[in-house]
């Protein structure tokens, strides 16, 4: 899809067109894609915001890191917070303190599972241990079992 069409779709009232545009941004360099992804950060549809988080995780930069942190901590929808956490984990070591802080503060099971899952794949056993201790002490059985 050409950039003109992407920009048109990003501003469409049809959420399916906005999703198509966000998906097409995977074919563009970060310098082009990130500013366009950010334009939909506060989209009324949670699925669109989730695609924004996913895109920012694939187009890593200091700016996308900052936006993902904001989405993980502040979005009202737990699906978006979970996707932002998962995308943030792609930044590696620099994301660990933020992921652990969110794990301690956000009691939603999906957000917590979205933090635990990538921690198991990362070479930071202390971080995984800390999250597991917190999970086991928590009340959600799904998160406890994952820990």
N, C-alpha and C. Protein backbone atom coordinates (compact mmCIF):
# COMPACT_ATOMS: atom_id res chain seq x y z
N UNK A 1 0.86 -1.17 0.00
CA UNK A 1 0.00 0.00 0.00
C UNK A 1 0.90 1.24 0.00
N UNK A 2 0.53 2.19 -0.80
CA UNK A 2 1.32 3.42 -0.87
C UNK A 2 1.02 4.32 0.32
N UNK A 3 1.98 5.19 0.62
CA UNK A 3 1.89 6.05 1.79
C UNK A 3 0.63 6.92 1.78
N UNK A 4 0.26 7.42 0.64
CA UNK A 4 -0.93 8.27 0.55
C UNK A 4 -2.17 7.49 1.01
N UNK A 5 -2.27 6.24 0.59
CA UNK A 5 -3.40 5.39 0.98
C UNK A 5 -3.35 5.07 2.47
N UNK A 6 -2.16 4.81 2.98
CA UNK A 6 -2.00 4.53 4.42
C UNK A 6 -2.49 5.71 5.24
N UNK A 7 -2.06 6.91 4.85
CA UNK A 7 -2.47 8.10 5.59
C UNK A 7 -3.98 8.31 5.52
N UNK A 8 -4.56 8.03 4.37
CA UNK A 8 -6.00 8.14 4.22
C UNK A 8 -6.71 7.14 5.13
N UNK A 9 -6.24 5.91 5.14
CA UNK A 9 -6.84 4.87 5.98
C UNK A 9 -6.65 5.15 7.47
N UNK A 10 -5.51 5.71 7.85
CA UNK A 10 -5.28 6.02 9.26
C UNK A 10 -6.30 7.02 9.80
N UNK A 11 -6.81 7.86 8.93
CA UNK A 11 -7.78 8.88 9.33
C UNK A 11 -9.22 8.48 9.04
N UNK A 12 -9.42 7.25 8.62
CA UNK A 12 -10.75 6.76 8.28
C UNK A 12 -11.60 6.57 9.54
N UNK A 13 -12.91 6.71 9.39
CA UNK A 13 -13.81 6.41 10.50
C UNK A 13 -14.02 4.91 10.66
N UNK A 14 -13.60 4.14 9.66
CA UNK A 14 -13.72 2.68 9.69
C UNK A 14 -12.49 2.07 10.38
N UNK A 15 -12.71 1.44 11.51
CA UNK A 15 -11.57 0.88 12.26
C UNK A 15 -10.84 -0.21 11.48
N UNK A 16 -11.54 -0.92 10.60
CA UNK A 16 -10.88 -1.94 9.79
C UNK A 16 -9.87 -1.31 8.83
N UNK A 17 -10.19 -0.16 8.29
CA UNK A 17 -9.24 0.55 7.43
C UNK A 17 -8.04 1.03 8.23
N UNK A 18 -8.29 1.51 9.45
CA UNK A 18 -7.17 1.95 10.30
C UNK A 18 -6.25 0.77 10.61
N UNK A 19 -6.84 -0.40 10.87
CA UNK A 19 -6.03 -1.60 11.14
C UNK A 19 -5.21 -2.00 9.92
N UNK A 20 -5.80 -1.91 8.74
CA UNK A 20 -5.07 -2.23 7.50
C UNK A 20 -3.87 -1.30 7.35
N UNK A 21 -4.09 -0.02 7.60
CA UNK A 21 -3.01 0.96 7.48
C UNK A 21 -1.89 0.66 8.47
N UNK A 22 -2.26 0.36 9.71
CA UNK A 22 -1.25 0.05 10.73
C UNK A 22 -0.46 -1.19 10.35
N UNK A 23 -1.13 -2.18 9.81
CA UNK A 23 -0.46 -3.40 9.39
C UNK A 23 0.51 -3.12 8.25
N UNK A 24 0.13 -2.27 7.34
CA UNK A 24 1.00 -1.94 6.20
C UNK A 24 2.27 -1.21 6.62
N UNK A 25 2.23 -0.54 7.76
CA UNK A 25 3.41 0.20 8.22
C UNK A 25 4.59 -0.72 8.53
N UNK A 26 4.35 -2.01 8.65
CA UNK A 26 5.45 -2.95 8.88
C UNK A 26 6.44 -2.94 7.71
N UNK A 27 5.98 -2.49 6.54
CA UNK A 27 6.82 -2.47 5.35
C UNK A 27 7.64 -1.19 5.21
N UNK A 28 7.54 -0.31 6.18
CA UNK A 28 8.23 0.97 6.13
C UNK A 28 9.27 1.08 7.23
N UNK A 29 10.26 1.90 7.00
CA UNK A 29 11.32 2.14 7.98
C UNK A 29 10.74 2.81 9.23
N UNK A 30 11.44 2.62 10.33
CA UNK A 30 11.00 3.17 11.62
C UNK A 30 10.76 4.67 11.57
N UNK A 31 11.63 5.40 10.88
CA UNK A 31 11.53 6.86 10.82
C UNK A 31 10.20 7.31 10.22
N UNK A 32 9.66 6.50 9.33
CA UNK A 32 8.38 6.81 8.71
C UNK A 32 7.23 6.23 9.53
N UNK A 33 7.39 5.00 9.96
CA UNK A 33 6.29 4.27 10.61
C UNK A 33 5.95 4.80 12.01
N UNK A 34 6.96 5.08 12.82
CA UNK A 34 6.70 5.44 14.22
C UNK A 34 5.82 6.67 14.37
N UNK A 35 6.11 7.78 13.69
CA UNK A 35 5.21 8.94 13.84
C UNK A 35 3.77 8.64 13.43
N UNK A 36 3.60 7.80 12.41
CA UNK A 36 2.25 7.44 11.98
C UNK A 36 1.56 6.51 12.97
N UNK A 37 2.31 5.59 13.54
CA UNK A 37 1.75 4.72 14.58
C UNK A 37 1.26 5.55 15.76
N UNK A 38 2.06 6.50 16.16
CA UNK A 38 1.73 7.33 17.32
C UNK A 38 0.44 8.13 17.11
N UNK A 39 0.11 8.45 15.87
CA UNK A 39 -1.12 9.21 15.62
C UNK A 39 -2.37 8.45 16.06
N UNK A 40 -2.27 7.13 16.18
CA UNK A 40 -3.43 6.33 16.57
C UNK A 40 -3.32 5.81 18.00
N UNK A 41 -2.38 6.32 18.76
CA UNK A 41 -2.16 5.88 20.14
C UNK A 41 -3.40 6.02 21.01
N UNK A 42 -4.23 6.99 20.74
CA UNK A 42 -5.42 7.23 21.55
C UNK A 42 -6.70 6.93 20.77
N UNK A 43 -6.59 6.03 19.83
CA UNK A 43 -7.75 5.63 19.03
C UNK A 43 -8.88 5.15 19.94
N UNK A 44 -10.14 5.40 19.59
CA UNK A 44 -11.24 4.93 20.44
C UNK A 44 -11.38 3.41 20.50
N UNK A 45 -10.86 2.70 19.50
CA UNK A 45 -10.97 1.24 19.46
C UNK A 45 -9.74 0.60 20.10
N UNK A 46 -9.97 -0.27 21.09
CA UNK A 46 -8.83 -0.89 21.77
C UNK A 46 -8.00 -1.75 20.83
N UNK A 47 -8.62 -2.37 19.84
CA UNK A 47 -7.86 -3.23 18.93
C UNK A 47 -6.89 -2.40 18.08
N UNK A 48 -7.29 -1.20 17.73
CA UNK A 48 -6.40 -0.31 16.98
C UNK A 48 -5.21 0.08 17.87
N UNK A 49 -5.49 0.42 19.12
CA UNK A 49 -4.40 0.77 20.04
C UNK A 49 -3.48 -0.42 20.27
N UNK A 50 -4.05 -1.62 20.29
CA UNK A 50 -3.22 -2.83 20.43
C UNK A 50 -2.29 -3.00 19.23
N UNK A 51 -2.80 -2.73 18.03
CA UNK A 51 -1.96 -2.80 16.83
C UNK A 51 -0.86 -1.73 16.88
N UNK A 52 -1.19 -0.57 17.43
CA UNK A 52 -0.17 0.48 17.59
C UNK A 52 0.95 -0.04 18.49
N UNK A 53 0.58 -0.63 19.62
CA UNK A 53 1.59 -1.17 20.54
C UNK A 53 2.44 -2.24 19.86
N UNK A 54 1.80 -3.11 19.12
CA UNK A 54 2.52 -4.16 18.41
C UNK A 54 3.50 -3.55 17.40
N UNK A 55 3.03 -2.56 16.66
CA UNK A 55 3.89 -1.91 15.67
C UNK A 55 5.07 -1.20 16.31
N UNK A 56 4.83 -0.54 17.44
CA UNK A 56 5.92 0.16 18.13
C UNK A 56 6.95 -0.82 18.67
N UNK A 57 6.52 -2.01 19.04
CA UNK A 57 7.46 -3.04 19.49
C UNK A 57 8.32 -3.57 18.37
N UNK A 58 7.79 -3.53 17.16
CA UNK A 58 8.55 -3.99 16.00
C UNK A 58 9.41 -2.90 15.38
N UNK A 59 9.12 -1.67 15.69
CA UNK A 59 9.88 -0.51 15.17
C UNK A 59 10.51 0.21 16.36
N UNK A 60 11.48 -0.42 16.95
CA UNK A 60 12.04 0.08 18.21
C UNK A 60 12.88 1.34 18.04
N UNK A 61 12.64 2.28 18.95
CA UNK A 61 13.39 3.53 19.03
C UNK A 61 13.18 4.09 20.43
N UNK A 62 13.96 5.08 20.84
CA UNK A 62 13.70 5.71 22.14
C UNK A 62 12.28 6.27 22.24
N UNK A 63 11.78 6.81 21.14
CA UNK A 63 10.43 7.38 21.15
C UNK A 63 9.38 6.27 21.31
N UNK A 64 9.55 5.16 20.60
CA UNK A 64 8.56 4.08 20.73
C UNK A 64 8.62 3.47 22.12
N UNK A 65 9.81 3.40 22.72
CA UNK A 65 9.94 2.91 24.09
C UNK A 65 9.11 3.77 25.04
N UNK A 66 9.26 5.08 24.90
CA UNK A 66 8.54 6.03 25.76
C UNK A 66 7.02 5.89 25.59
N UNK A 67 6.56 5.77 24.37
CA UNK A 67 5.13 5.64 24.11
C UNK A 67 4.60 4.32 24.65
N UNK A 68 5.36 3.24 24.47
CA UNK A 68 4.94 1.94 24.99
C UNK A 68 4.84 1.95 26.51
N UNK A 69 5.78 2.62 27.17
CA UNK A 69 5.70 2.76 28.63
C UNK A 69 4.40 3.45 29.03
N UNK A 70 4.11 4.52 28.34
CA UNK A 70 2.88 5.27 28.63
C UNK A 70 1.65 4.40 28.42
N UNK A 71 1.63 3.66 27.32
CA UNK A 71 0.48 2.79 27.03
C UNK A 71 0.36 1.67 28.07
N UNK A 72 1.48 1.08 28.45
CA UNK A 72 1.46 -0.01 29.42
C UNK A 72 0.95 0.46 30.78
N UNK A 73 1.30 1.67 31.15
CA UNK A 73 0.93 2.17 32.47
C UNK A 73 -0.44 2.85 32.51
N UNK A 74 -0.87 3.42 31.39
CA UNK A 74 -2.03 4.31 31.44
C UNK A 74 -3.24 3.93 30.61
N UNK A 75 -3.10 3.02 29.67
CA UNK A 75 -4.27 2.72 28.84
C UNK A 75 -5.37 2.11 29.70
N UNK A 76 -6.61 2.48 29.43
CA UNK A 76 -7.71 1.98 30.25
C UNK A 76 -8.06 0.53 29.93
N UNK A 77 -7.63 0.01 28.79
CA UNK A 77 -7.98 -1.35 28.40
C UNK A 77 -6.82 -2.31 28.69
N UNK A 78 -7.11 -3.37 29.42
CA UNK A 78 -6.05 -4.31 29.79
C UNK A 78 -5.45 -5.03 28.58
N UNK A 79 -6.22 -5.19 27.50
CA UNK A 79 -5.66 -5.80 26.29
C UNK A 79 -4.53 -4.95 25.72
N UNK A 80 -4.73 -3.65 25.72
CA UNK A 80 -3.71 -2.73 25.21
C UNK A 80 -2.51 -2.71 26.14
N UNK A 81 -2.76 -2.67 27.45
CA UNK A 81 -1.64 -2.69 28.40
C UNK A 81 -0.83 -3.97 28.25
N UNK A 82 -1.50 -5.09 28.03
CA UNK A 82 -0.81 -6.37 27.85
C UNK A 82 0.03 -6.36 26.58
N UNK A 83 -0.51 -5.86 25.49
CA UNK A 83 0.24 -5.81 24.23
C UNK A 83 1.42 -4.85 24.36
N UNK A 84 1.21 -3.74 25.05
CA UNK A 84 2.30 -2.79 25.26
C UNK A 84 3.42 -3.42 26.09
N UNK A 85 3.06 -4.19 27.11
CA UNK A 85 4.07 -4.88 27.92
C UNK A 85 4.84 -5.89 27.08
N UNK A 86 4.13 -6.66 26.29
CA UNK A 86 4.78 -7.63 25.43
C UNK A 86 5.73 -6.94 24.44
N UNK A 87 5.28 -5.86 23.84
CA UNK A 87 6.11 -5.12 22.90
C UNK A 87 7.31 -4.48 23.59
N UNK A 88 7.10 -3.97 24.77
CA UNK A 88 8.18 -3.36 25.53
C UNK A 88 9.28 -4.37 25.84
N UNK A 89 8.90 -5.61 26.07
CA UNK A 89 9.89 -6.65 26.39
C UNK A 89 10.88 -6.86 25.25
N UNK A 90 10.51 -6.49 24.04
CA UNK A 90 11.41 -6.64 22.88
C UNK A 90 12.62 -5.71 22.97
N UNK A 91 12.56 -4.74 23.87
CA UNK A 91 13.68 -3.83 24.07
C UNK A 91 14.76 -4.45 24.96
N UNK A 92 14.48 -5.60 25.53
CA UNK A 92 15.47 -6.30 26.32
C UNK A 92 15.68 -5.73 27.70
N UNK A 93 16.94 -5.69 28.10
CA UNK A 93 17.31 -5.35 29.48
C UNK A 93 16.75 -4.02 29.96
N UNK A 94 16.73 -3.02 29.10
CA UNK A 94 16.24 -1.71 29.54
C UNK A 94 14.76 -1.73 29.92
N UNK A 95 14.03 -2.72 29.45
CA UNK A 95 12.60 -2.81 29.77
C UNK A 95 12.32 -3.48 31.11
N UNK A 96 13.28 -4.23 31.63
CA UNK A 96 13.06 -5.07 32.83
C UNK A 96 12.52 -4.28 34.02
N UNK A 97 13.14 -3.18 34.45
CA UNK A 97 12.61 -2.48 35.63
C UNK A 97 11.16 -2.01 35.44
N UNK A 98 10.83 -1.59 34.23
CA UNK A 98 9.48 -1.11 33.95
C UNK A 98 8.48 -2.26 33.94
N UNK A 99 8.88 -3.38 33.37
CA UNK A 99 8.00 -4.55 33.36
C UNK A 99 7.74 -5.05 34.78
N UNK A 100 8.78 -5.09 35.59
CA UNK A 100 8.61 -5.55 36.97
C UNK A 100 7.73 -4.59 37.77
N UNK A 101 7.92 -3.31 37.57
CA UNK A 101 7.09 -2.32 38.27
C UNK A 101 5.62 -2.50 37.88
N UNK A 102 5.37 -2.67 36.60
CA UNK A 102 4.00 -2.88 36.15
C UNK A 102 3.45 -4.19 36.68
N UNK A 103 4.27 -5.23 36.71
CA UNK A 103 3.82 -6.52 37.24
C UNK A 103 3.36 -6.37 38.69
N UNK A 104 4.09 -5.58 39.46
CA UNK A 104 3.72 -5.37 40.86
C UNK A 104 2.46 -4.51 41.01
N UNK A 105 2.26 -3.56 40.09
CA UNK A 105 1.18 -2.59 40.25
C UNK A 105 -0.12 -2.93 39.52
N UNK A 106 -0.02 -3.64 38.42
CA UNK A 106 -1.21 -3.95 37.61
C UNK A 106 -1.65 -5.37 37.94
N UNK A 107 -2.82 -5.52 38.52
CA UNK A 107 -3.24 -6.86 38.95
C UNK A 107 -4.04 -7.61 37.89
N UNK A 108 -4.14 -7.07 36.69
CA UNK A 108 -4.86 -7.78 35.64
C UNK A 108 -4.07 -9.01 35.19
N UNK A 109 -4.76 -10.14 35.11
CA UNK A 109 -4.09 -11.41 34.81
C UNK A 109 -3.43 -11.40 33.43
N UNK A 110 -4.07 -10.78 32.43
CA UNK A 110 -3.50 -10.79 31.08
C UNK A 110 -2.23 -9.94 31.01
N UNK A 111 -2.25 -8.80 31.66
CA UNK A 111 -1.06 -7.95 31.70
C UNK A 111 0.08 -8.70 32.38
N UNK A 112 -0.22 -9.34 33.50
CA UNK A 112 0.82 -10.06 34.25
C UNK A 112 1.36 -11.24 33.44
N UNK A 113 0.48 -11.98 32.79
CA UNK A 113 0.93 -13.10 31.96
C UNK A 113 1.75 -12.61 30.77
N UNK A 114 1.39 -11.43 30.25
CA UNK A 114 2.13 -10.85 29.12
C UNK A 114 3.50 -10.35 29.53
N UNK A 115 3.72 -10.20 30.80
CA UNK A 115 5.05 -9.86 31.32
C UNK A 115 5.82 -11.13 31.66
N UNK A 116 5.16 -12.08 32.28
CA UNK A 116 5.83 -13.34 32.65
C UNK A 116 6.35 -14.09 31.42
N UNK A 117 5.53 -14.18 30.39
CA UNK A 117 5.90 -14.98 29.21
C UNK A 117 7.24 -14.56 28.59
N UNK A 118 7.44 -13.29 28.28
CA UNK A 118 8.74 -12.93 27.70
C UNK A 118 9.90 -13.02 28.70
N UNK A 119 9.60 -12.83 29.99
CA UNK A 119 10.67 -12.96 30.99
C UNK A 119 11.27 -14.36 30.99
N UNK A 120 10.46 -15.36 30.68
CA UNK A 120 10.98 -16.74 30.64
C UNK A 120 11.96 -16.94 29.50
N UNK A 121 11.88 -16.09 28.48
CA UNK A 121 12.76 -16.19 27.31
C UNK A 121 13.98 -15.28 27.40
N UNK A 122 14.01 -14.42 28.39
CA UNK A 122 15.10 -13.44 28.51
C UNK A 122 16.19 -13.97 29.43
N UNK A 123 17.42 -13.54 29.20
CA UNK A 123 18.54 -14.03 30.02
C UNK A 123 18.71 -13.26 31.34
N UNK A 124 17.61 -13.05 32.05
CA UNK A 124 17.65 -12.30 33.30
C UNK A 124 16.89 -13.08 34.37
N UNK A 125 17.49 -14.14 34.91
CA UNK A 125 16.77 -15.00 35.85
C UNK A 125 16.33 -14.27 37.13
N UNK A 126 17.07 -13.25 37.54
CA UNK A 126 16.68 -12.52 38.75
C UNK A 126 15.34 -11.82 38.54
N UNK A 127 15.15 -11.27 37.35
CA UNK A 127 13.89 -10.59 37.05
C UNK A 127 12.74 -11.58 37.02
N UNK A 128 12.97 -12.73 36.41
CA UNK A 128 11.94 -13.77 36.37
C UNK A 128 11.61 -14.24 37.78
N UNK A 129 12.63 -14.42 38.59
CA UNK A 129 12.43 -14.86 39.97
C UNK A 129 11.58 -13.85 40.74
N UNK A 130 11.91 -12.57 40.59
CA UNK A 130 11.16 -11.52 41.29
C UNK A 130 9.69 -11.52 40.86
N UNK A 131 9.44 -11.65 39.57
CA UNK A 131 8.06 -11.69 39.08
C UNK A 131 7.33 -12.93 39.59
N UNK A 132 8.02 -14.06 39.61
CA UNK A 132 7.39 -15.30 40.08
C UNK A 132 7.03 -15.22 41.56
N UNK A 133 7.91 -14.66 42.37
CA UNK A 133 7.63 -14.49 43.81
C UNK A 133 6.39 -13.62 43.99
N UNK A 134 6.33 -12.55 43.23
CA UNK A 134 5.17 -11.64 43.30
C UNK A 134 3.90 -12.37 42.84
N UNK A 135 4.01 -13.16 41.79
CA UNK A 135 2.85 -13.89 41.25
C UNK A 135 2.33 -14.92 42.25
N UNK A 136 3.24 -15.63 42.87
CA UNK A 136 2.85 -16.67 43.82
C UNK A 136 2.17 -16.05 45.04
N UNK A 137 2.61 -14.87 45.42
CA UNK A 137 2.01 -14.17 46.56
C UNK A 137 0.66 -13.56 46.21
N UNK A 138 0.38 -13.43 44.92
CA UNK A 138 -0.88 -12.82 44.48
C UNK A 138 -2.06 -13.77 44.58
N UNK A 139 -3.21 -13.28 44.17
CA UNK A 139 -4.45 -14.04 44.32
C UNK A 139 -4.91 -14.73 43.05
N UNK A 140 -4.42 -14.32 41.89
CA UNK A 140 -4.91 -14.87 40.63
C UNK A 140 -4.30 -16.23 40.34
N UNK A 141 -5.14 -17.25 40.27
CA UNK A 141 -4.67 -18.62 40.08
C UNK A 141 -3.98 -18.80 38.73
N UNK A 142 -4.48 -18.15 37.69
CA UNK A 142 -3.87 -18.25 36.36
C UNK A 142 -2.43 -17.75 36.38
N UNK A 143 -2.21 -16.65 37.05
CA UNK A 143 -0.86 -16.07 37.13
C UNK A 143 0.01 -16.94 38.03
N UNK A 144 -0.55 -17.43 39.13
CA UNK A 144 0.22 -18.32 40.02
C UNK A 144 0.69 -19.55 39.28
N UNK A 145 -0.19 -20.16 38.50
CA UNK A 145 0.17 -21.36 37.76
C UNK A 145 1.26 -21.07 36.73
N UNK A 146 1.22 -19.91 36.11
CA UNK A 146 2.24 -19.55 35.13
C UNK A 146 3.59 -19.36 35.79
N UNK A 147 3.57 -18.85 37.03
CA UNK A 147 4.82 -18.62 37.75
C UNK A 147 5.43 -19.95 38.15
